[in-house]
Amino acid sequence: MLRILALITLFSVALFAAGDANFEASKRELNVAAIIMFFIFVGGTLGITYWAAKKTKSASDFYTAGGGITGFQNGMAIAGDYMSAASFLGISGLVYLSGYDGLIYAVGFLVGWPVILFLLAERLRNLGKFTFTDIAAFRLGQKEIRTLAAFGSLSVVTLYLIAQMVGSGKLIQVLFGLEYEYAVILVGVMMIIYVTFGGMLATTWVQIIKAVLLLSGVSFMGFMVLSHFGFSFEALATKAVESHEKGQAIMAPGGFISDPISAISLGLALMLGTAGLPHVLMRFFTVGNAKEARKSVVYATGFIGYFYLVIAVIGLGAIVFLNSDAGAAYFVDGKLFGGNNMAAIHLSHIVGGNVFLGFISAVAFATILAVVAGLTLAGASAISHDLYASVINPNATEEQEIRVSKIAVIIIGFVGVILGIAFEQQNIAFMVGLAFAIAASANFPILFLSIYWRKLTTRGAFIGGIIGLATAVILVIVGPIVWVQILGNEEALFPYKHPALFSVTIAFVAIWFFSITDNSQRAKDEEKAYEAQNIRAETGFGADGAVDH
């Protein structure tokens, strides 16, 4: 079965690559290097999936690679999971467009990691088994908390997946000339193969390979850009100011986020949202113990921090090179071909020629596949482990649970493809923002308080979590992006684009209020159970270890 799917996929890739020849012939030439690197990447990752499929026998293998991933490998995989196409192309495009303001996102995405390191990593590994819901439901009502957390996870996964699918379709359309629909279907087929057959082991190695390729690619681009300025960042920044139409303004904040409430709200969403993303939290169960969990966050923070530093160089390099004579060929009717998000791709062609453009194009595709594979596995785990095996059928066997998980992967793949095609013409910028807002408002407060607050009750977590989730969604809908730009109303009911400052505050207050007013016997029993939970969280006694193969 796997070999048949592999042949179908390779045939799809051949069609997909061949489509380049007749797409915008005046603007794009057939990039043989890109097609060759595509085949190498697809063939290599399918080989890894075949190897992982033979090793994936139990639920632990499928969800967490048997807990046998080292701290360094997991750190690299977390970086691979987190450094999405939005980070690589989106932030470099923002720096190219706005300068300093583009780095606000980079800083926001990075500062979530110390929160995870100091507050969550060790306790997550000690208390959890397969998903972050295991921790939230450790001493609370399984049915209510798992149902709520699963819906929170699926909301985040779906929104993130739509954004990745639309991004991948647009990217592949520009780079290789495949029709948008076929590009989205190709990504869907590949992610279903990786996750269904290889589980977490295949997903982990796809993410590690992608991280190595992406870090290598951006390092080379950063090196080539700085080499033109005697490796002086100051000289590069000075030239960027001279080249940009806004001049000195690109080195000052304010053009992108103009008021303090928006700045704080966006920062909160990115920081706390990172600590509530189900596909990121799931990675902490793939290591053998709490020490390896801590090490993996330290490595991931290093890789991600380095990546964002280099992205700043690439963004400024794009300003300099694309506004020079060499960059004139990349503009069509006065606009950058493919939009501002293609700035890094065009820069790769200027500094490295066709071969390096092919490499970066293949890396961009690898980036998308690695992220959607992690998202799909997290969504499938929420359905099979949190809903099916813990709520619907608590007596389910491991085989039944894995079967449900694999069916869920296929369903999520189909849904992702359909929604990706449906949202082609929509402004998807708000979707990633909404995903982070939901993760920060629904997932993070429950997870954080279940670990650190003795008096948290099932009633408080359930009602407060629903209020946090609903508040985040409603405020985004009545905010400027959806209410005005998409629905066409004249004025937004809620003036801020980013609702996290309000929705996170409301979630914490609601959880606190409905917990302290809960005087039931169940609430008293849950408070008593905190002691045993805290001992395990601190020491790891009773935690699941790695599986020997």
Protein backbone atom coordinates (compact mmCIF):
# COMPACT_ATOMS: atom_id res chain seq x y z
CA MET A 1 0.00 0.00 0.00
CA LEU A 2 2.80 2.41 1.00
CA ARG A 3 4.68 1.69 -2.25
CA ILE A 4 1.55 2.32 -4.36
CA LEU A 5 1.00 5.65 -2.59
CA ALA A 6 4.67 6.49 -3.07
CA LEU A 7 4.36 5.91 -6.83
CA ILE A 8 1.19 8.04 -6.97
CA THR A 9 2.99 10.82 -5.07
CA LEU A 10 6.08 10.73 -7.29
CA PHE A 11 3.81 10.82 -10.36
CA SER A 12 2.00 13.84 -8.83
CA VAL A 13 5.34 15.57 -8.24
CA ALA A 14 6.37 14.88 -11.84
CA LEU A 15 3.15 16.48 -13.09
CA PHE A 16 3.58 19.29 -10.60
CA ALA A 17 7.14 20.02 -11.75
CA ALA A 18 6.28 19.71 -15.43
CA GLY A 19 3.54 22.31 -15.04
CA ASP A 20 6.26 24.94 -14.75
CA ALA A 21 7.02 24.98 -18.46
CA ASN A 22 3.82 26.68 -19.58
CA PHE A 23 3.27 28.96 -16.57
CA GLU A 24 3.98 32.62 -17.14
CA ALA A 25 6.63 31.62 -19.69
CA SER A 26 7.80 35.19 -20.01
CA LYS A 27 8.46 35.43 -16.29
CA ARG A 28 9.46 31.93 -15.20
CA GLU A 29 11.78 29.47 -16.87
CA LEU A 30 11.81 25.75 -16.16
CA ASN A 31 14.04 25.33 -13.10
CA VAL A 32 15.61 21.89 -13.52
CA ALA A 33 17.60 22.21 -10.26
CA ALA A 34 14.40 22.76 -8.29
CA ILE A 35 12.73 19.72 -9.85
CA ILE A 36 15.75 17.47 -9.14
CA MET A 37 15.91 18.64 -5.52
CA PHE A 38 12.18 18.08 -5.21
CA PHE A 39 12.54 14.45 -6.27
CA ILE A 40 15.48 13.98 -3.87
CA PHE A 41 13.51 15.43 -0.96
CA VAL A 42 10.28 13.54 -1.71
CA GLY A 43 12.13 10.27 -2.33
CA GLY A 44 14.23 10.67 0.83
CA THR A 45 11.28 11.48 3.08
CA LEU A 46 9.19 8.61 1.66
CA GLY A 47 12.12 6.31 2.44
CA ILE A 48 12.14 7.61 6.02
CA THR A 49 8.37 7.03 6.23
CA TYR A 50 8.83 3.42 5.05
CA TRP A 51 11.54 2.89 7.70
CA ALA A 52 9.41 4.54 10.41
CA ALA A 53 6.33 2.49 9.45
CA LYS A 54 8.22 -0.73 10.24
CA LYS A 55 9.15 0.61 13.70
CA THR A 56 5.71 2.03 14.56
CA LYS A 57 3.83 -0.77 16.33
CA SER A 58 2.19 0.67 19.48
CA ALA A 59 0.18 3.80 20.34
CA SER A 60 3.28 5.19 22.07
CA ASP A 61 5.30 4.70 18.87
CA PHE A 62 2.61 6.39 16.77
CA TYR A 63 2.01 9.42 19.03
CA THR A 64 5.44 10.00 20.59
CA ALA A 65 8.00 7.87 18.67
CA GLY A 66 8.18 5.68 21.80
CA GLY A 67 9.74 8.52 23.79
CA GLY A 68 13.08 7.61 22.22
CA ILE A 69 14.05 10.95 20.62
CA THR A 70 17.08 12.70 22.19
CA GLY A 71 17.00 16.27 23.49
CA PHE A 72 19.11 17.54 20.58
CA GLN A 73 17.01 15.73 17.96
CA ASN A 74 13.79 16.97 19.56
CA GLY A 75 15.14 20.53 19.76
CA MET A 76 15.91 20.40 16.05
CA ALA A 77 12.47 18.89 15.32
CA ILE A 78 10.71 21.57 17.43
CA ALA A 79 12.61 24.23 15.46
CA GLY A 80 11.56 22.44 12.24
CA ASP A 81 7.94 22.38 13.44
CA TYR A 82 7.99 26.04 14.46
CA MET A 83 9.95 27.69 11.61
CA SER A 84 7.06 27.69 9.17
CA ALA A 85 6.82 29.20 5.69
CA ALA A 86 5.09 32.12 7.41
CA SER A 87 8.25 32.68 9.46
CA PHE A 88 10.67 32.25 6.59
CA LEU A 89 8.82 34.07 3.81
CA GLY A 90 6.35 36.16 5.84
CA ILE A 91 8.77 37.83 8.26
CA SER A 92 11.47 38.41 5.64
CA GLY A 93 8.70 39.93 3.47
CA LEU A 94 7.58 42.15 6.37
CA VAL A 95 11.16 43.36 6.95
CA TYR A 96 11.45 44.02 3.21
CA LEU A 97 8.21 46.02 3.32
CA SER A 98 8.39 47.77 6.72
CA GLY A 99 11.90 47.28 8.12
CA TYR A 100 11.97 47.31 11.93
CA ASP A 101 8.25 46.56 12.32
CA GLY A 102 8.71 43.20 10.61
CA LEU A 103 10.93 42.11 13.49
CA ILE A 104 8.12 42.56 16.04
CA TYR A 105 6.71 39.22 14.91
CA ALA A 106 10.14 37.58 15.07
CA VAL A 107 10.67 38.73 18.67
CA GLY A 108 7.12 37.71 19.63
CA PHE A 109 7.52 34.23 18.18
CA LEU A 110 10.83 33.78 20.01
CA VAL A 111 9.97 35.00 23.52
CA GLY A 112 7.36 32.29 23.98
CA TRP A 113 10.14 29.75 24.38
CA PRO A 114 11.54 30.91 27.75
CA VAL A 115 7.94 30.67 29.05
CA ILE A 116 7.82 27.04 27.91
CA LEU A 117 11.31 26.30 29.26
CA PHE A 118 10.84 27.69 32.78
CA LEU A 119 7.13 27.03 33.35
CA LEU A 120 6.06 24.01 31.31
CA ALA A 121 8.68 21.73 29.69
CA GLU A 122 9.69 19.59 32.67
CA ARG A 123 6.19 19.31 34.12
CA LEU A 124 4.68 18.51 30.72
CA ARG A 125 7.01 15.55 30.33
CA ASN A 126 6.46 14.30 33.89
CA LEU A 127 2.66 14.54 33.85
CA GLY A 128 1.69 13.82 30.24
CA LYS A 129 1.60 10.76 28.03
CA PHE A 130 0.52 11.63 24.48
CA THR A 131 -1.11 15.10 24.42
CA PHE A 132 -1.16 18.25 26.60
CA THR A 133 -4.77 17.35 27.54
CA ASP A 134 -3.35 14.52 29.67
CA ILE A 135 -1.94 17.19 32.01
CA ALA A 136 -5.06 19.37 32.06
CA ALA A 137 -7.23 16.32 32.86
CA PHE A 138 -4.74 14.73 35.31
CA ARG A 139 -6.89 15.39 38.43
CA LEU A 140 -9.96 17.00 36.82
CA GLY A 141 -13.03 15.53 35.12
CA GLN A 142 -11.86 13.54 32.10
CA LYS A 143 -15.01 13.97 30.04
CA GLU A 144 -15.41 17.75 30.35
CA ILE A 145 -11.75 18.78 30.20
CA ARG A 146 -10.73 16.41 27.40
CA THR A 147 -13.74 17.44 25.29
CA LEU A 148 -13.01 21.16 25.76
CA ALA A 149 -9.24 20.80 25.22
CA ALA A 150 -9.78 18.61 22.14
CA PHE A 151 -12.04 21.26 20.59
CA GLY A 152 -9.52 23.97 21.50
CA SER A 153 -6.76 21.90 19.85
CA LEU A 154 -8.83 21.17 16.75
CA SER A 155 -9.73 24.88 16.40
CA VAL A 156 -6.05 25.87 16.52
CA VAL A 157 -5.00 23.03 14.18
CA THR A 158 -7.73 23.81 11.62
CA LEU A 159 -6.97 27.55 11.47
CA TYR A 160 -3.22 26.97 11.31
CA LEU A 161 -3.71 24.27 8.67
CA ILE A 162 -5.84 26.54 6.44
CA ALA A 163 -3.17 29.25 6.61
CA GLN A 164 -0.41 26.73 5.75
CA MET A 165 -2.46 25.16 2.92
CA VAL A 166 -3.32 28.51 1.30
CA GLY A 167 0.30 29.63 1.74
CA SER A 168 1.62 26.40 0.20
CA GLY A 169 -0.73 26.64 -2.77
CA LYS A 170 0.27 30.23 -3.51
CA LEU A 171 3.97 29.51 -3.01
CA ILE A 172 4.07 26.44 -5.25
CA GLN A 173 1.93 28.24 -7.84
CA VAL A 174 4.50 31.05 -8.05
CA LEU A 175 7.62 28.87 -7.81
CA PHE A 176 6.68 26.00 -10.09
CA GLY A 177 3.59 26.98 -12.00
CA LEU A 178 1.33 24.17 -10.82
CA GLU A 179 -2.36 25.08 -10.62
CA TYR A 180 -3.32 26.19 -7.10
CA GLU A 181 -5.76 23.30 -6.53
CA TYR A 182 -3.22 20.65 -7.55
CA ALA A 183 -0.57 22.23 -5.31
CA VAL A 184 -2.88 22.03 -2.28
CA ILE A 185 -3.86 18.43 -3.12
CA LEU A 186 -0.18 17.45 -3.44
CA VAL A 187 0.61 18.82 0.04
CA GLY A 188 -2.48 17.02 1.42
CA VAL A 189 -1.49 13.65 -0.10
CA MET A 190 2.10 13.91 1.14
CA MET A 191 1.14 14.80 4.72
CA ILE A 192 -1.40 11.93 4.87
CA ILE A 193 1.30 9.47 3.78
CA TYR A 194 3.87 10.74 6.29
CA VAL A 195 1.57 10.71 9.30
CA THR A 196 -0.61 7.66 8.55
CA PHE A 197 2.28 5.29 7.94
CA GLY A 198 5.19 6.79 9.85
CA GLY A 199 3.44 8.47 12.81
CA MET A 200 5.55 10.68 15.06
CA LEU A 201 8.85 9.02 14.10
CA ALA A 202 8.51 9.91 10.40
CA THR A 203 7.12 13.36 11.26
CA THR A 204 10.07 14.02 13.60
CA TRP A 205 12.69 13.11 10.99
CA VAL A 206 10.94 15.12 8.26
CA GLN A 207 11.04 18.10 10.66
CA ILE A 208 14.73 17.53 11.51
CA ILE A 209 15.73 17.31 7.82
CA LYS A 210 13.68 20.40 7.03
CA ALA A 211 15.30 22.34 9.93
CA VAL A 212 18.82 21.42 8.73
CA LEU A 213 17.99 22.39 5.14
CA LEU A 214 16.29 25.65 6.14
CA LEU A 215 19.05 26.73 8.55
CA SER A 216 21.69 25.88 5.92
CA GLY A 217 19.81 27.84 3.25
CA VAL A 218 19.25 30.99 5.30
CA SER A 219 22.85 30.87 6.60
CA PHE A 220 24.19 30.83 3.04
CA MET A 221 21.86 33.70 2.06
CA GLY A 222 22.87 35.74 5.12
CA PHE A 223 26.56 35.04 4.41
CA MET A 224 26.25 36.09 0.75
CA VAL A 225 24.35 39.29 1.63
CA LEU A 226 26.82 40.34 4.34
CA SER A 227 29.81 39.48 2.13
CA HIS A 228 28.82 42.41 -0.12
CA PHE A 229 29.17 44.76 2.86
CA GLY A 230 32.42 43.50 4.39
CA PHE A 231 30.34 41.50 6.94
CA SER A 232 29.22 44.77 8.54
CA PHE A 233 25.56 44.81 9.63
CA GLU A 234 25.83 48.59 10.02
CA ALA A 235 26.87 49.02 6.39
CA LEU A 236 23.97 46.77 5.27
CA ALA A 237 21.44 48.74 7.37
CA THR A 238 22.78 52.07 6.07
CA LYS A 239 22.42 50.91 2.46
CA ALA A 240 18.90 49.56 3.18
CA VAL A 241 17.84 52.99 4.51
CA GLU A 242 19.23 54.61 1.34
CA SER A 243 17.48 52.08 -0.92
CA HIS A 244 14.01 51.99 0.71
CA GLU A 245 11.39 54.55 -0.34
CA LYS A 246 10.53 55.21 3.33
CA GLY A 247 14.18 56.01 4.12
CA GLN A 248 15.07 56.38 7.80
CA ALA A 249 11.50 55.46 8.82
CA ILE A 250 12.20 51.75 8.26
CA MET A 251 14.51 51.77 11.30
CA ALA A 252 11.77 53.10 13.63
CA PRO A 253 8.71 51.36 15.05
CA GLY A 254 5.12 52.51 14.54
CA GLY A 255 4.12 51.89 10.95
CA PHE A 256 2.83 48.37 11.55
CA ILE A 257 1.49 48.47 15.11
CA SER A 258 0.57 52.01 16.05
CA ASP A 259 -0.78 51.83 19.62
CA PRO A 260 0.41 50.24 22.89
CA ILE A 261 -2.67 48.04 23.39
CA SER A 262 -2.20 46.39 19.98
CA ALA A 263 1.52 45.89 20.68
CA ILE A 264 0.89 44.27 24.09
CA SER A 265 -2.01 42.21 22.74
CA LEU A 266 0.01 40.87 19.80
CA GLY A 267 2.96 40.14 22.09
CA LEU A 268 0.73 38.22 24.53
CA ALA A 269 -0.85 36.19 21.71
CA LEU A 270 2.54 35.21 20.27
CA MET A 271 4.14 34.51 23.66
CA LEU A 272 1.34 32.62 25.44
CA GLY A 273 -0.03 31.21 22.18
CA THR A 274 3.27 29.42 21.56
CA ALA A 275 2.86 27.77 24.97
CA GLY A 276 -0.62 26.58 23.95
CA LEU A 277 0.01 25.21 20.45
CA PRO A 278 -0.92 21.50 20.53
CA HIS A 279 1.58 20.42 17.84
CA VAL A 280 4.44 22.11 19.74
CA LEU A 281 3.43 20.81 23.19
CA MET A 282 3.07 17.28 21.80
CA ARG A 283 6.78 17.20 21.00
CA PHE A 284 7.70 17.12 24.73
CA PHE A 285 6.36 13.57 25.04
CA THR A 286 8.78 12.24 22.41
CA VAL A 287 11.80 12.46 24.76
CA GLY A 288 12.71 9.96 27.49
CA ASN A 289 12.59 12.19 30.58
CA ALA A 290 12.24 15.74 31.94
CA LYS A 291 15.97 16.50 31.56
CA GLU A 292 15.81 15.77 27.83
CA ALA A 293 12.62 17.89 27.60
CA ARG A 294 14.48 20.88 29.09
CA LYS A 295 17.47 20.32 26.81
CA SER A 296 15.21 20.17 23.76
CA VAL A 297 13.74 23.63 24.56
CA VAL A 298 17.23 25.10 25.04
CA TYR A 299 18.37 23.72 21.66
CA ALA A 300 15.12 24.80 19.96
CA THR A 301 15.40 28.33 21.38
CA GLY A 302 18.99 28.56 20.07
CA PHE A 303 18.08 27.37 16.58
CA ILE A 304 14.95 29.56 16.36
CA GLY A 305 16.75 32.64 17.76
CA TYR A 306 19.58 32.22 15.24
CA PHE A 307 17.04 31.77 12.43
CA TYR A 308 15.25 35.04 13.25
CA LEU A 309 18.54 36.96 13.47
CA VAL A 310 19.45 35.76 9.98
CA ILE A 311 15.94 36.57 8.71
CA ALA A 312 16.59 40.23 9.69
CA VAL A 313 19.73 40.20 7.51
CA ILE A 314 17.80 38.56 4.62
CA GLY A 315 14.97 41.13 4.87
CA LEU A 316 17.39 44.06 4.76
CA GLY A 317 19.33 42.32 1.98
CA ALA A 318 16.11 42.07 -0.03
CA ILE A 319 15.56 45.83 0.38
CA VAL A 320 19.06 46.53 -0.99
CA PHE A 321 19.24 43.98 -3.82
CA LEU A 322 15.64 44.05 -5.08
CA ASN A 323 15.74 47.87 -5.27
CA SER A 324 18.96 47.78 -7.31
CA ASP A 325 19.43 47.19 -11.06
CA ALA A 326 19.80 43.44 -10.39
CA GLY A 327 16.32 43.32 -8.84
CA ALA A 328 14.47 45.06 -11.70
CA ALA A 329 13.74 41.71 -13.42
CA TYR A 330 11.67 40.52 -10.45
CA PHE A 331 9.04 43.26 -10.77
CA VAL A 332 5.95 43.00 -12.96
CA ASP A 333 3.92 46.19 -13.52
CA GLY A 334 5.77 47.86 -10.66
CA LYS A 335 4.97 45.10 -8.15
CA LEU A 336 7.22 42.32 -6.86
CA PHE A 337 6.40 39.09 -8.71
CA GLY A 338 4.42 36.85 -6.35
CA GLY A 339 4.00 39.59 -3.74
CA ASN A 340 6.19 40.75 -0.87
CA ASN A 341 6.33 37.24 0.61
CA MET A 342 8.49 36.21 -2.35
CA ALA A 343 11.25 38.70 -1.42
CA ALA A 344 13.48 35.98 0.13
CA ILE A 345 12.95 33.65 -2.86
CA HIS A 346 13.97 36.33 -5.38
CA LEU A 347 16.95 37.28 -3.20
CA SER A 348 18.10 33.63 -3.23
CA HIS A 349 18.22 33.79 -7.05
CA ILE A 350 20.25 37.02 -7.01
CA VAL A 351 22.88 35.76 -4.51
CA GLY A 352 23.02 32.06 -5.52
CA GLY A 353 21.75 31.68 -9.08
CA ASN A 354 19.39 28.97 -10.42
CA VAL A 355 20.80 26.09 -8.36
CA PHE A 356 20.36 27.92 -5.06
CA LEU A 357 16.90 29.12 -6.10
CA GLY A 358 16.03 25.47 -6.71
CA PHE A 359 17.38 24.53 -3.27
CA ILE A 360 15.44 27.31 -1.49
CA SER A 361 12.27 26.41 -3.42
CA ALA A 362 12.57 22.78 -2.32
CA VAL A 363 13.27 23.94 1.26
CA ALA A 364 10.14 26.12 1.20
CA PHE A 365 8.12 23.06 0.17
CA ALA A 366 9.82 20.95 2.87
CA THR A 367 8.99 23.69 5.38
CA ILE A 368 5.28 23.50 4.59
CA LEU A 369 5.19 19.68 4.66
CA ALA A 370 6.97 19.46 8.03
CA VAL A 371 4.57 21.92 9.66
CA VAL A 372 1.36 20.42 8.24
CA ALA A 373 2.51 16.90 9.23
CA GLY A 374 2.96 18.05 12.85
CA LEU A 375 -0.42 19.82 12.81
CA THR A 376 -2.20 16.79 11.35
CA LEU A 377 -0.73 14.45 13.96
CA ALA A 378 -1.77 16.83 16.77
CA GLY A 379 -5.31 17.04 15.39
CA ALA A 380 -5.57 13.26 14.96
CA SER A 381 -4.32 12.74 18.53
CA ALA A 382 -7.01 15.09 19.87
CA ILE A 383 -9.68 13.03 18.09
CA SER A 384 -8.36 9.52 18.82
CA HIS A 385 -6.70 9.87 22.24
CA ASP A 386 -8.64 12.73 23.89
CA LEU A 387 -12.13 12.16 22.45
CA TYR A 388 -12.39 8.53 21.30
CA ALA A 389 -10.21 6.62 23.80
CA SER A 390 -10.90 8.85 26.84
CA VAL A 391 -14.51 10.05 26.37
CA ILE A 392 -16.41 8.01 23.75
CA ASN A 393 -14.93 4.54 24.33
CA PRO A 394 -12.74 4.43 27.48
CA ASN A 395 -12.29 0.64 27.05
CA ALA A 396 -10.79 0.97 23.56
CA THR A 397 -7.74 -1.15 22.80
CA GLU A 398 -4.48 0.37 21.45
CA GLU A 399 -5.23 -1.09 18.01
CA GLN A 400 -8.66 0.58 17.92
CA GLU A 401 -7.17 3.89 19.06
CA ILE A 402 -4.45 3.85 16.39
CA ARG A 403 -7.01 2.89 13.73
CA VAL A 404 -9.21 5.84 14.71
CA SER A 405 -6.12 8.09 14.67
CA LYS A 406 -5.19 7.02 11.13
CA ILE A 407 -8.75 7.55 9.91
CA ALA A 408 -8.66 10.99 11.58
CA VAL A 409 -5.41 11.82 9.72
CA ILE A 410 -7.08 11.07 6.38
CA ILE A 411 -10.18 13.11 7.32
CA ILE A 412 -8.05 16.08 8.50
CA GLY A 413 -6.06 15.82 5.26
CA PHE A 414 -9.24 15.98 3.15
CA VAL A 415 -10.71 18.80 5.24
CA GLY A 416 -7.40 20.72 5.00
CA VAL A 417 -7.38 20.38 1.19
CA ILE A 418 -11.05 21.40 0.81
CA LEU A 419 -10.69 24.41 3.14
CA GLY A 420 -7.36 25.37 1.54
CA ILE A 421 -9.06 25.51 -1.88
CA ALA A 422 -12.16 27.28 -0.47
CA PHE A 423 -10.11 30.03 1.21
CA GLU A 424 -7.84 30.71 -1.80
CA GLN A 425 -9.10 34.28 -2.30
CA GLN A 426 -9.54 35.15 1.39
CA ASN A 427 -7.26 37.23 3.58
CA ILE A 428 -5.71 34.48 5.68
CA ALA A 429 -3.51 36.76 7.79
CA PHE A 430 -6.09 36.76 10.58
CA MET A 431 -6.14 32.94 10.73
CA VAL A 432 -2.68 32.51 12.22
CA GLY A 433 -3.45 35.40 14.58
CA LEU A 434 -6.73 33.73 15.58
CA ALA A 435 -4.99 30.36 16.04
CA PHE A 436 -2.49 31.97 18.44
CA ALA A 437 -5.28 33.91 20.20
CA ILE A 438 -7.28 30.69 20.79
CA ALA A 439 -4.16 28.82 21.95
CA ALA A 440 -3.37 31.69 24.37
CA SER A 441 -6.99 32.14 25.56
CA ALA A 442 -8.29 28.56 25.79
CA ASN A 443 -5.36 26.10 25.94
CA PHE A 444 -2.71 28.01 27.90
CA PRO A 445 -4.81 29.20 30.92
CA ILE A 446 -6.18 25.69 31.59
CA LEU A 447 -2.77 24.05 31.15
CA PHE A 448 -0.94 26.62 33.28
CA LEU A 449 -3.48 26.69 36.13
CA SER A 450 -3.89 22.91 36.20
CA ILE A 451 -0.14 22.64 36.91
CA TYR A 452 0.30 25.57 39.32
CA TRP A 453 -3.02 26.32 41.05
CA ARG A 454 -4.28 23.94 43.72
CA LYS A 455 -7.85 25.32 43.74
CA LEU A 456 -8.56 24.80 40.03
CA THR A 457 -11.75 22.76 39.59
CA THR A 458 -13.36 21.01 36.64
CA ARG A 459 -16.22 23.53 36.66
CA GLY A 460 -13.84 26.51 36.62
CA ALA A 461 -11.61 25.07 33.88
CA PHE A 462 -14.56 24.03 31.69
CA ILE A 463 -16.65 27.23 31.93
CA GLY A 464 -13.62 29.56 31.92
CA GLY A 465 -12.07 27.71 28.96
CA ILE A 466 -15.27 28.00 26.92
CA ILE A 467 -15.53 31.73 27.75
CA GLY A 468 -11.86 32.29 26.73
CA LEU A 469 -12.35 30.38 23.46
CA ALA A 470 -15.61 32.19 22.62
CA THR A 471 -14.19 35.62 23.52
CA ALA A 472 -11.14 35.17 21.25
CA VAL A 473 -13.30 34.05 18.30
CA ILE A 474 -15.97 36.75 18.75
CA LEU A 475 -13.45 39.60 19.14
CA VAL A 476 -11.62 38.56 15.96
CA ILE A 477 -14.93 38.38 14.04
CA VAL A 478 -16.07 41.86 15.17
CA GLY A 479 -12.54 43.30 14.82
CA PRO A 480 -11.16 45.33 11.86
CA ILE A 481 -9.87 42.44 9.70
CA VAL A 482 -13.00 40.27 9.52
CA TRP A 483 -15.77 42.82 10.22
CA VAL A 484 -14.46 45.53 7.88
CA GLN A 485 -12.04 43.97 5.35
CA ILE A 486 -13.83 40.63 4.79
CA LEU A 487 -17.49 41.32 5.64
CA GLY A 488 -17.39 44.84 4.19
CA ASN A 489 -18.85 46.80 7.13
CA GLU A 490 -17.83 50.43 7.54
CA GLU A 491 -16.55 50.33 11.11
CA ALA A 492 -15.36 47.53 13.41
CA LEU A 493 -17.33 46.85 16.60
CA PHE A 494 -14.04 46.01 18.38
CA PRO A 495 -11.23 48.44 17.44
CA TYR A 496 -8.16 46.15 17.81
CA LYS A 497 -6.88 43.51 15.39
CA HIS A 498 -5.38 41.37 18.16
CA PRO A 499 -7.79 40.33 20.98
CA ALA A 500 -5.38 38.37 23.24
CA LEU A 501 -4.96 41.05 25.93
CA PHE A 502 -8.73 40.97 26.52
CA SER A 503 -9.54 37.31 25.84
CA VAL A 504 -6.63 35.90 27.93
CA THR A 505 -7.54 38.19 30.86
CA ILE A 506 -11.22 37.18 30.64
CA ALA A 507 -10.26 33.47 30.48
CA PHE A 508 -8.05 33.65 33.61
CA VAL A 509 -10.65 35.67 35.57
CA ALA A 510 -13.48 33.30 34.55
CA ILE A 511 -11.49 30.18 35.47
CA TRP A 512 -10.58 31.75 38.84
CA PHE A 513 -14.15 32.89 39.61
CA PHE A 514 -15.93 29.64 38.70
CA SER A 515 -13.31 27.61 40.59
CA ILE A 516 -13.41 29.53 43.88
CA THR A 517 -17.24 29.57 43.88
CA ASP A 518 -17.35 25.78 43.40
CA ASN A 519 -18.09 24.26 46.85
CA SER A 520 -19.01 20.76 45.66
CA GLN A 521 -17.47 17.58 47.09
CA ARG A 522 -15.90 16.95 43.70
CA ALA A 523 -14.05 20.28 43.92
CA LYS A 524 -12.69 19.34 47.38
CA ASP A 525 -11.51 15.95 46.06
CA GLU A 526 -9.77 17.65 43.11
CA GLU A 527 -7.98 20.05 45.47
CA LYS A 528 -6.74 17.09 47.57
CA ALA A 529 -5.48 15.33 44.43
CA TYR A 530 -3.21 18.30 43.63
CA GLU A 531 -0.56 17.15 46.12
CA ALA A 532 0.08 13.85 44.33
CA GLN A 533 0.06 15.62 40.95
CA ASN A 534 2.57 18.22 42.16
CA ILE A 535 4.96 15.56 43.50
CA ARG A 536 4.92 13.77 40.14
CA ALA A 537 5.30 17.08 38.26
CA GLU A 538 8.38 18.00 40.34
CA THR A 539 10.05 14.58 40.58
CA GLY A 540 8.84 12.54 37.64
CA PHE A 541 7.92 9.57 39.87
CA GLY A 542 5.35 7.52 37.97
CA ALA A 543 5.98 9.24 34.62
CA ASP A 544 6.12 7.17 31.43
CA GLY A 545 9.65 6.34 30.30
CA ALA A 546 11.00 5.65 26.82
CA VAL A 547 10.02 2.47 24.99
CA ASP A 548 12.78 0.00 24.09
CA HIS A 549 12.75 -1.36 20.56
